[in-house]
Protein backbone atom coordinates (compact mmCIF):
# COMPACT_ATOMS: atom_id res chain seq x y z
CA MET A 1 143.17 140.95 93.97
CA THR A 2 141.39 139.96 97.13
CA VAL A 3 137.78 140.81 97.90
CA GLY A 4 138.87 143.26 100.59
CA SER A 5 141.21 145.14 98.26
CA LEU A 6 138.56 145.33 95.51
CA LEU A 7 136.04 146.73 97.97
CA ARG A 8 138.52 149.30 99.30
CA ARG A 9 139.40 150.38 95.74
CA ALA A 10 135.73 150.84 94.78
CA TRP A 11 135.05 152.73 97.99
CA ARG A 12 138.05 155.06 97.44
CA GLN A 13 137.01 155.73 93.83
CA SER A 14 133.44 156.60 94.84
CA VAL A 15 134.51 158.83 97.75
CA ALA A 16 137.15 160.54 95.58
CA ARG A 17 134.58 161.22 92.85
CA LEU A 18 132.12 162.57 95.40
CA LEU A 19 134.72 164.86 97.02
CA LEU A 20 135.89 166.07 93.61
CA ILE A 21 132.38 167.11 92.62
CA LEU A 22 131.69 168.81 95.93
CA CYS A 23 135.04 170.63 95.90
CA GLY A 24 134.47 171.80 92.35
CA ALA A 25 130.98 173.06 93.21
CA ALA A 26 132.34 174.84 96.31
CA ALA A 27 135.14 176.50 94.33
CA LEU A 28 132.72 177.64 91.63
CA GLY A 29 130.35 178.93 94.31
CA LEU A 30 133.12 180.99 95.92
CA LEU A 31 133.99 182.55 92.56
CA LEU A 32 130.37 183.38 91.76
CA GLY A 33 129.46 184.40 95.29
CA ALA A 34 126.86 181.58 95.56
CA PHE A 35 128.70 179.02 97.69
CA TRP A 36 125.78 177.35 99.47
CA PRO A 37 123.34 177.28 96.57
CA LEU A 38 125.89 175.63 94.26
CA LEU A 39 127.00 173.22 96.99
CA ALA A 40 123.38 172.25 97.65
CA LEU A 41 122.73 171.87 93.92
CA ALA A 42 125.79 169.60 93.57
CA ALA A 43 124.66 167.46 96.53
CA PHE A 44 121.14 167.16 95.04
CA ALA A 45 122.64 166.19 91.65
CA ILE A 46 124.77 163.51 93.32
CA LEU A 47 121.71 162.16 95.19
CA ALA A 48 119.62 162.19 91.98
CA TRP A 49 122.38 160.35 90.13
CA HIS A 50 122.51 157.63 92.83
CA TYR A 51 118.75 157.20 92.70
CA TRP A 52 118.91 156.98 88.90
CA ARG A 53 121.59 154.25 89.08
CA LEU A 54 119.48 152.34 91.64
CA HIS A 55 116.36 152.67 89.46
CA ARG A 56 118.22 151.46 86.35
CA LEU A 57 119.71 148.48 88.22
CA LEU A 58 116.36 147.43 89.68
CA SER A 59 114.68 147.82 86.29
CA GLN A 60 117.25 145.55 84.68
CA LEU A 61 116.84 142.96 87.44
CA TYR A 62 113.02 143.02 87.26
CA GLN A 63 113.17 142.62 83.47
CA ARG A 64 115.76 139.85 83.88
CA ARG A 65 118.12 141.63 81.52
CA ARG A 66 121.81 140.81 81.50
CA LEU A 67 123.87 143.38 83.37
CA ARG A 68 127.05 144.94 82.01
CA ASP A 69 130.39 143.22 82.49
CA ILE A 70 132.45 146.36 83.17
CA ASP A 71 135.59 147.04 85.07
CA GLY A 72 134.67 148.57 88.38
CA ARG A 73 134.93 152.35 88.62
CA GLY A 74 133.12 152.81 91.89
CA LEU A 75 130.59 151.11 94.11
CA TRP A 76 127.79 151.02 91.53
CA ASP A 77 130.00 149.65 88.75
CA ASP A 78 131.40 147.00 91.04
CA LEU A 79 127.87 146.07 92.14
CA GLU A 80 126.77 145.64 88.50
CA MET A 81 129.89 143.60 87.77
CA LEU A 82 129.26 141.28 90.73
CA LEU A 83 125.59 140.86 89.82
CA HIS A 84 126.62 140.10 86.24
CA ARG A 85 128.93 137.36 87.48
CA ARG A 86 126.21 135.93 89.74
CA GLN A 87 123.84 135.93 86.78
CA ASN A 88 126.34 133.97 84.71
CA GLU A 89 126.97 131.52 87.54
CA GLY A 90 123.23 131.09 88.11
CA ARG A 91 122.61 130.50 84.41
CA ALA A 92 125.43 127.96 84.27
CA ARG A 93 124.06 126.20 87.36
CA VAL A 94 120.53 126.12 85.97
CA LYS A 95 121.85 124.84 82.64
CA ARG A 96 123.78 122.09 84.42
CA LEU A 97 120.77 121.13 86.54
CA LEU A 98 118.51 121.10 83.49
CA GLY A 99 121.01 118.82 81.78
CA LEU A 100 120.95 116.47 84.77
CA VAL A 101 117.15 116.51 84.88
CA ARG A 102 116.94 115.80 81.15
CA GLY A 103 119.46 112.99 81.60
CA TYR A 104 117.43 111.49 84.44
CA ARG A 105 114.27 111.81 82.37
CA ARG A 106 115.92 110.08 79.41
CA ALA A 107 117.25 107.34 81.70
CA ALA A 108 113.81 106.86 83.27
CA ALA A 109 112.20 106.82 79.83
CA LEU A 110 114.62 104.14 78.64
CA MET A 111 114.08 101.91 81.68
CA PRO A 112 112.18 98.70 80.89
CA ASP A 113 110.14 99.14 84.10
CA ALA A 114 107.34 101.60 84.71
CA VAL A 115 108.44 104.45 87.01
CA LEU A 116 106.06 106.84 88.78
CA LEU A 117 106.68 109.77 91.13
CA VAL A 118 103.83 109.72 93.66
CA ASP A 119 102.93 112.21 96.38
CA ARG A 120 103.09 110.48 99.76
CA GLU A 121 100.11 112.23 101.31
CA SER A 122 97.55 112.35 98.52
CA GLY A 123 98.75 109.48 96.33
CA ARG A 124 98.75 111.82 93.33
CA ILE A 125 101.00 110.77 90.44
CA ASP A 126 103.26 113.75 89.72
CA TRP A 127 105.17 112.16 86.84
CA CYS A 128 105.43 108.86 85.01
CA ASN A 129 107.55 107.51 82.19
CA ARG A 130 106.43 106.08 78.86
CA GLN A 131 106.42 102.48 80.12
CA ALA A 132 104.03 103.44 82.94
CA ARG A 133 101.62 104.98 80.46
CA ALA A 134 101.75 101.87 78.28
CA LEU A 135 101.61 99.33 81.11
CA LEU A 136 99.01 101.05 83.27
CA GLY A 137 97.06 103.03 80.69
CA LEU A 138 97.85 106.43 82.26
CA ASP A 139 97.29 109.78 80.60
CA ALA A 140 100.54 111.64 79.96
CA HIS A 141 99.04 115.02 80.93
CA ALA A 142 96.76 113.89 83.77
CA PRO A 143 98.03 110.56 85.15
CA GLY A 144 95.68 110.75 88.15
CA ALA A 145 96.36 108.96 91.44
CA VAL A 146 97.51 105.54 92.61
CA GLY A 147 93.97 104.68 93.64
CA THR A 148 92.81 105.34 90.08
CA ALA A 149 95.63 103.38 88.44
CA PHE A 150 95.20 100.44 90.85
CA PRO A 151 91.57 100.30 92.01
CA GLY A 152 92.13 97.22 94.17
CA ASN A 153 92.15 97.59 97.96
CA ALA A 154 95.35 95.55 98.25
CA VAL A 155 97.47 98.10 96.37
CA GLN A 156 95.89 101.09 98.09
CA GLY A 157 96.41 99.60 101.56
CA TRP A 158 99.98 98.64 100.70
CA PHE A 159 100.73 102.17 99.44
CA ALA A 160 99.07 103.85 102.43
CA ALA A 161 101.19 101.74 104.79
CA GLY A 162 104.34 102.84 102.93
CA GLN A 163 105.74 99.30 102.78
CA SER A 164 109.04 100.11 101.08
CA ASP A 165 110.68 96.95 102.49
CA GLU A 166 108.24 94.45 101.00
CA PRO A 167 107.31 94.54 97.29
CA LEU A 168 103.79 93.70 96.20
CA ILE A 169 104.00 90.73 93.86
CA ASP A 170 101.54 89.27 91.35
CA GLN A 171 99.09 92.13 90.91
CA PRO A 172 96.90 92.32 87.77
CA SER A 173 97.46 95.13 85.32
CA PRO A 174 94.53 97.61 85.25
CA ILE A 175 94.31 97.34 81.45
CA ASP A 176 94.87 93.57 81.11
CA PRO A 177 94.26 91.15 84.00
CA ASN A 178 96.43 88.53 82.27
CA VAL A 179 99.47 90.78 82.72
CA ARG A 180 100.91 90.33 86.22
CA LEU A 181 102.83 93.13 87.89
CA SER A 182 105.30 93.53 90.73
CA LEU A 183 105.25 96.84 92.64
CA ARG A 184 108.04 98.30 94.76
CA LEU A 185 108.12 101.57 96.72
CA LEU A 186 111.36 103.53 97.03
CA PRO A 187 111.77 106.69 99.17
CA TYR A 188 112.50 109.42 96.60
CA SER A 189 112.12 112.47 98.86
CA PRO A 190 110.34 113.35 102.13
CA GLU A 191 107.25 114.27 100.07
CA GLN A 192 107.36 111.68 97.27
CA TRP A 193 107.61 107.93 96.66
CA LEU A 194 109.23 106.38 93.61
CA LEU A 195 106.91 103.57 92.52
CA VAL A 196 108.58 100.99 90.27
CA VAL A 197 106.22 98.64 88.43
CA ARG A 198 107.60 95.58 86.62
CA ASP A 199 105.90 93.12 84.29
CA VAL A 200 106.55 89.70 85.88
CA THR A 201 104.11 87.70 83.75
CA LYS A 202 106.82 85.57 82.15
CA LEU A 203 108.64 85.01 85.44
CA LEU A 204 105.46 83.88 87.17
CA ARG A 205 104.60 81.63 84.25
CA LEU A 206 108.05 80.05 84.39
CA GLU A 207 107.73 79.65 88.15
CA GLN A 208 104.38 77.92 87.69
CA LEU A 209 105.89 75.64 85.04
CA ARG A 210 108.69 74.78 87.45
CA ARG A 211 106.22 73.97 90.21
CA ASP A 212 104.11 71.83 87.89
CA PHE A 213 107.21 70.02 86.65
CA VAL A 214 108.43 69.25 90.17
CA ALA A 215 104.97 68.13 91.27
CA ASN A 216 104.47 65.90 88.22
CA VAL A 217 107.93 64.34 88.41
CA SER A 218 107.57 63.75 92.14
CA HIS A 219 104.17 62.15 91.60
CA GLU A 220 105.48 59.92 88.81
CA LEU A 221 108.43 58.81 90.95
CA ARG A 222 106.11 57.49 93.63
CA THR A 223 105.16 54.29 91.79
CA PRO A 224 108.65 53.11 90.76
CA LEU A 225 109.98 53.91 94.22
CA THR A 226 107.18 51.92 95.81
CA VAL A 227 108.02 48.96 93.55
CA VAL A 228 111.74 49.16 94.31
CA HIS A 229 111.05 49.48 98.02
CA GLY A 230 108.72 46.51 97.92
CA TYR A 231 111.23 44.23 96.16
CA LEU A 232 113.93 45.29 98.60
CA ASP A 233 111.68 44.29 101.50
CA ILE A 234 111.17 40.86 99.90
CA LEU A 235 114.89 40.20 99.75
CA ASP A 236 115.94 38.68 103.07
CA THR A 237 119.50 39.30 104.18
CA GLU A 238 119.53 35.86 105.87
CA ASP A 239 119.14 34.22 102.46
CA TYR A 240 121.81 36.40 100.91
CA PRO A 241 124.29 37.26 103.68
CA GLU A 242 126.89 38.42 101.19
CA LEU A 243 124.44 41.10 99.95
CA GLU A 244 123.53 42.43 103.39
CA PRO A 245 125.63 45.65 103.22
CA MET A 246 124.32 46.48 99.75
CA LEU A 247 120.70 45.70 100.63
CA THR A 248 120.92 47.80 103.80
CA GLU A 249 122.30 50.76 101.88
CA MET A 250 119.72 50.34 99.10
CA ARG A 251 116.88 50.32 101.63
CA LYS A 252 118.30 53.39 103.30
CA GLN A 253 118.59 55.31 100.03
CA SER A 254 115.15 54.11 98.87
CA ALA A 255 113.60 55.41 102.08
CA ARG A 256 115.46 58.69 101.63
CA MET A 257 114.19 59.00 98.05
CA SER A 258 110.63 58.31 99.21
CA GLN A 259 110.94 60.99 101.85
CA LEU A 260 112.35 63.41 99.29
CA VAL A 261 109.41 62.78 96.95
CA GLU A 262 106.93 63.28 99.79
CA ASP A 263 108.61 66.56 100.78
CA LEU A 264 108.57 67.79 97.18
CA LEU A 265 104.87 66.99 96.87
CA THR A 266 104.17 68.74 100.18
CA LEU A 267 106.13 71.81 99.09
CA SER A 268 104.37 71.90 95.70
CA ARG A 269 100.99 71.72 97.44
CA LEU A 270 101.92 74.54 99.82
CA GLU A 271 103.21 76.76 97.01
CA ALA A 272 99.96 76.30 95.10
CA GLN A 273 97.98 77.66 98.08
CA GLU A 274 97.57 81.41 98.43
CA ALA A 275 95.72 81.14 101.74
CA LEU A 276 94.31 78.54 104.09
CA ALA A 277 91.02 77.14 102.86
CA GLN A 278 89.67 76.93 106.39
CA ARG A 279 90.99 77.86 109.83
CA GLU A 280 90.44 75.56 112.77
CA VAL A 281 91.43 75.64 116.40
CA VAL A 282 94.77 73.87 116.68
CA ALA A 283 94.97 72.23 120.11
CA MET A 284 98.54 72.94 121.14
CA ALA A 285 98.74 70.71 124.25
CA PRO A 286 98.21 67.45 122.31
CA LEU A 287 100.38 68.75 119.47
CA LEU A 288 103.26 69.48 121.85
CA ALA A 289 102.87 66.04 123.39
CA THR A 290 103.08 64.52 119.89
CA LEU A 291 106.22 66.54 119.16
CA ARG A 292 107.76 65.22 122.37
CA ARG A 293 107.05 61.60 121.39
CA GLU A 294 108.43 62.12 117.89
CA ALA A 295 111.59 63.77 119.21
CA GLU A 296 112.17 61.02 121.78
CA ALA A 297 111.63 58.30 119.17
CA LEU A 298 114.04 59.95 116.72
CA SER A 299 116.59 60.66 119.44
CA ALA A 300 116.44 57.13 120.92
CA GLY A 301 117.71 58.42 124.25
CA ARG A 302 120.77 60.22 122.85
CA HIS A 303 119.59 63.75 123.81
CA ARG A 304 118.00 65.61 126.68
CA ILE A 305 114.59 66.79 125.43
CA ARG A 306 112.27 69.29 127.15
CA VAL A 307 108.91 70.51 125.87
CA LEU A 308 107.49 73.51 127.77
CA ASP A 309 104.00 74.92 127.32
CA GLU A 310 104.10 78.35 128.94
CA ALA A 311 101.49 79.97 126.71
CA ARG A 312 98.59 77.62 127.51
CA VAL A 313 96.64 78.83 124.49
CA ASP A 314 95.65 77.32 121.16
CA LEU A 315 96.33 78.59 117.66
CA LEU A 316 94.06 79.22 114.69
CA GLY A 317 95.09 77.52 111.47
CA SER A 318 95.64 74.07 110.04
CA THR A 319 96.61 71.30 112.46
CA ARG A 320 98.12 69.25 109.65
CA GLU A 321 100.29 72.06 108.28
CA LEU A 322 101.46 73.34 111.67
CA HIS A 323 102.33 69.83 112.82
CA SER A 324 104.36 69.38 109.61
CA ALA A 325 106.26 72.65 110.23
CA PHE A 326 106.92 72.08 113.93
CA SER A 327 107.90 68.45 113.32
CA ASN A 328 110.45 69.53 110.72
CA LEU A 329 112.07 71.91 113.19
CA VAL A 330 112.18 69.30 115.94
CA SER A 331 113.57 66.57 113.66
CA ASN A 332 116.25 68.98 112.38
CA ALA A 333 117.26 69.77 115.96
CA VAL A 334 117.59 66.07 116.77
CA ARG A 335 119.56 65.30 113.60
CA TYR A 336 122.03 68.15 113.96
CA THR A 337 122.61 68.00 117.72
CA PRO A 338 125.49 65.79 118.93
CA VAL A 339 124.92 62.96 121.37
CA ASP A 340 124.23 64.12 124.96
CA GLY A 341 123.13 67.51 123.65
CA SER A 342 119.97 69.28 124.77
CA ILE A 343 116.85 70.23 122.80
CA GLU A 344 114.15 72.50 124.18
CA VAL A 345 110.77 73.13 122.57
CA ARG A 346 109.07 76.14 124.19
CA PHE A 347 105.61 77.54 123.48
CA GLU A 348 105.12 81.00 125.01
CA ARG A 349 103.26 84.28 124.59
CA SER A 350 104.87 87.27 122.91
CA PRO A 351 104.65 90.87 124.21
CA ASP A 352 102.27 91.92 121.40
CA GLY A 353 99.69 89.30 122.40
CA GLY A 354 100.78 86.68 119.89
CA ALA A 355 102.56 83.39 120.49
CA VAL A 356 105.99 81.92 119.74
CA LEU A 357 106.96 78.28 119.35
CA SER A 358 110.75 77.97 119.51
CA VAL A 359 113.10 75.03 119.11
CA GLN A 360 116.44 75.57 120.84
CA ASP A 361 119.31 73.10 120.46
CA SER A 362 122.91 72.85 121.60
CA GLY A 363 124.15 71.67 118.23
CA TYR A 364 126.98 72.74 115.98
CA GLY A 365 125.55 76.18 115.22
CA ILE A 366 125.27 77.89 111.85
CA PRO A 367 127.67 80.56 110.53
CA ALA A 368 126.00 83.95 110.08
CA GLN A 369 126.56 84.07 106.31
CA HIS A 370 124.33 81.02 105.82
CA LEU A 371 121.32 82.24 107.84
CA PRO A 372 119.59 84.28 105.07
CA ARG A 373 119.57 81.28 102.70
CA LEU A 374 118.53 78.50 105.06
CA THR A 375 114.91 78.42 103.81
CA GLU A 376 115.94 77.95 100.17
CA ARG A 377 115.25 74.60 98.56
CA PHE A 378 118.09 72.09 98.95
CA TYR A 379 120.37 74.69 100.53
CA ARG A 380 122.81 72.98 102.89
CA VAL A 381 125.35 74.47 105.26
CA SER A 382 127.34 71.21 105.26
CA THR A 383 126.60 68.75 102.47
CA SER A 384 128.44 65.85 104.08
CA ARG A 385 126.73 66.33 107.45
CA ALA A 386 123.30 66.58 105.80
CA ARG A 387 123.95 63.38 103.88
CA GLU A 388 124.95 61.58 107.07
CA THR A 389 121.80 62.70 108.92
CA GLY A 390 119.48 61.80 106.03
CA GLY A 391 117.92 65.24 105.55
CA THR A 392 116.27 66.20 102.25
CA GLY A 393 117.12 69.93 102.34
CA LEU A 394 113.43 70.86 102.05
CA GLY A 395 112.34 70.98 105.69
CA LEU A 396 112.94 74.68 106.35
CA SER A 397 111.43 75.61 103.00
CA ILE A 398 108.27 73.74 104.01
CA VAL A 399 108.31 75.52 107.39
CA LYS A 400 108.56 78.93 105.70
CA HIS A 401 105.63 78.25 103.37
CA VAL A 402 103.45 76.91 106.18
CA LEU A 403 104.13 79.99 108.30
CA ASN A 404 103.42 82.29 105.34
CA LEU A 405 100.00 80.67 104.99
CA HIS A 406 99.39 81.44 108.68
CA GLN A 407 100.68 85.06 108.37
CA ALA A 408 103.54 84.10 110.67
CA ARG A 409 107.30 84.30 110.26
CA LEU A 410 110.39 82.23 111.01
CA GLU A 411 113.18 83.83 113.06
CA ILE A 412 116.56 82.11 113.12
CA THR A 413 119.40 82.89 115.53
CA SER A 414 122.54 80.82 115.81
CA GLU A 415 126.07 80.90 117.13
CA VAL A 416 128.75 78.50 116.01
CA GLY A 417 129.60 76.03 118.75
CA LYS A 418 126.65 77.03 120.95
CA GLY A 419 123.58 75.96 119.01
CA SER A 420 120.63 77.44 117.16
CA ARG A 421 117.13 78.72 117.84
CA PHE A 422 114.30 78.49 115.34
CA ALA A 423 111.22 80.48 116.37
CA CYS A 424 107.78 80.45 114.72
CA VAL A 425 106.27 83.85 115.54
CA PHE A 426 102.47 84.19 115.34
CA GLY A 427 100.54 87.44 115.60
CA PRO A 428 97.68 88.12 118.05
CA GLU A 429 95.11 87.24 115.37
CA ALA A 430 96.41 83.64 115.30
CA VAL A 431 95.87 83.03 119.03
CA ALA A 432 92.72 81.30 120.27
CA GLU A 433 92.18 82.32 123.90
CA GLY A 434 90.32 80.22 126.43
CA LEU A 435 92.81 78.15 128.48
CA PRO A 436 94.07 79.19 131.95
CA GLU A 437 97.40 80.98 132.04
CA ALA A 438 99.80 78.51 133.66
CA GLY A 439 103.14 77.15 132.62
CA GLY A 440 104.48 73.62 132.72
CA GLU A 441 105.93 70.77 130.73
CA ALA A 442 103.80 69.18 128.04
């Protein structure tokens, strides 16, 4: 039956019962000669009965007692039946939700990482799993706040900023400084963060072993390469004309190996640095002039090269490191730009008060799927083209590490067939004011 038909049936049953009682009282009153008193008494009895049913229903609801599952015989019976069904549905829903919550709790407890539910405003830890209590030394009943679990200013500032896009890596555990942690914030709800803490001690140790291995091997390769390069220089192609092609290729590959070793040592040194030891004023006008000379020497007249200094300011940092980064970008542009192409190096101010040094070329362009991985070690878009140009595959990785040390970032935009733009973006804190604002070529 439909809801409308059930309601009409209950209404008819209640009205019929009411009319039957009133008619009976009226008939009895006519027989006894007390029509109005009996009719009034019947109406009062009906009203008292309705109030009694309402009182009983409210009492059962307040006491959270299960209502009767009866077949409707009027409005009150149908109301109890509907409330009984809603009670069953509510209990089933609560049971299902409790099952889901218990399942989530079991899943969180079985996770190898520490998981904490943290209030966004106060930083209070509302819940944490067993791994969090073991890894961070938290109390199961009173876990405290993020500031208590991580007393360092770095973690508190990172949490207050709500940096859910950037994890915080290599933080000491509050109970053992030798244990290194990685922290990541995930938006759990509008009021809470999900803080995931992972023990990365072994990963960092392996990474350090890898760095040491690369640095040691690169350092050890220096001597034999120097010897090989020296003997190749002694051999004169005029004395051995038949060996000229082989000697030329050997010298070329020896020089490439030497450059590769130097790049590996540079990258190892940069990775070992957490911050610049000392900041100095980097004079950009002479540096841009040096970049122009290097680009023109590498190009040998095959490209159109422009160097524009529109910012007319200096930077704060390391002249050696910034020259290495900028030189890598310029040399890459020369290598990967066809003959008669154009290369533009532009130094300009950014809207936020910082500065941007960009290298724009009209080269082959880079497909979009390769852009996120360009700064990885030895990653190449085209292996054959990189081999022809003599690149080591480490230049952009060096650029990324240099910019990280200067709290700057590398932005890459490219379109196949139209060229690429590599921009080193510096914040306002990296700009040293003091030169007049005027543009021009360096």
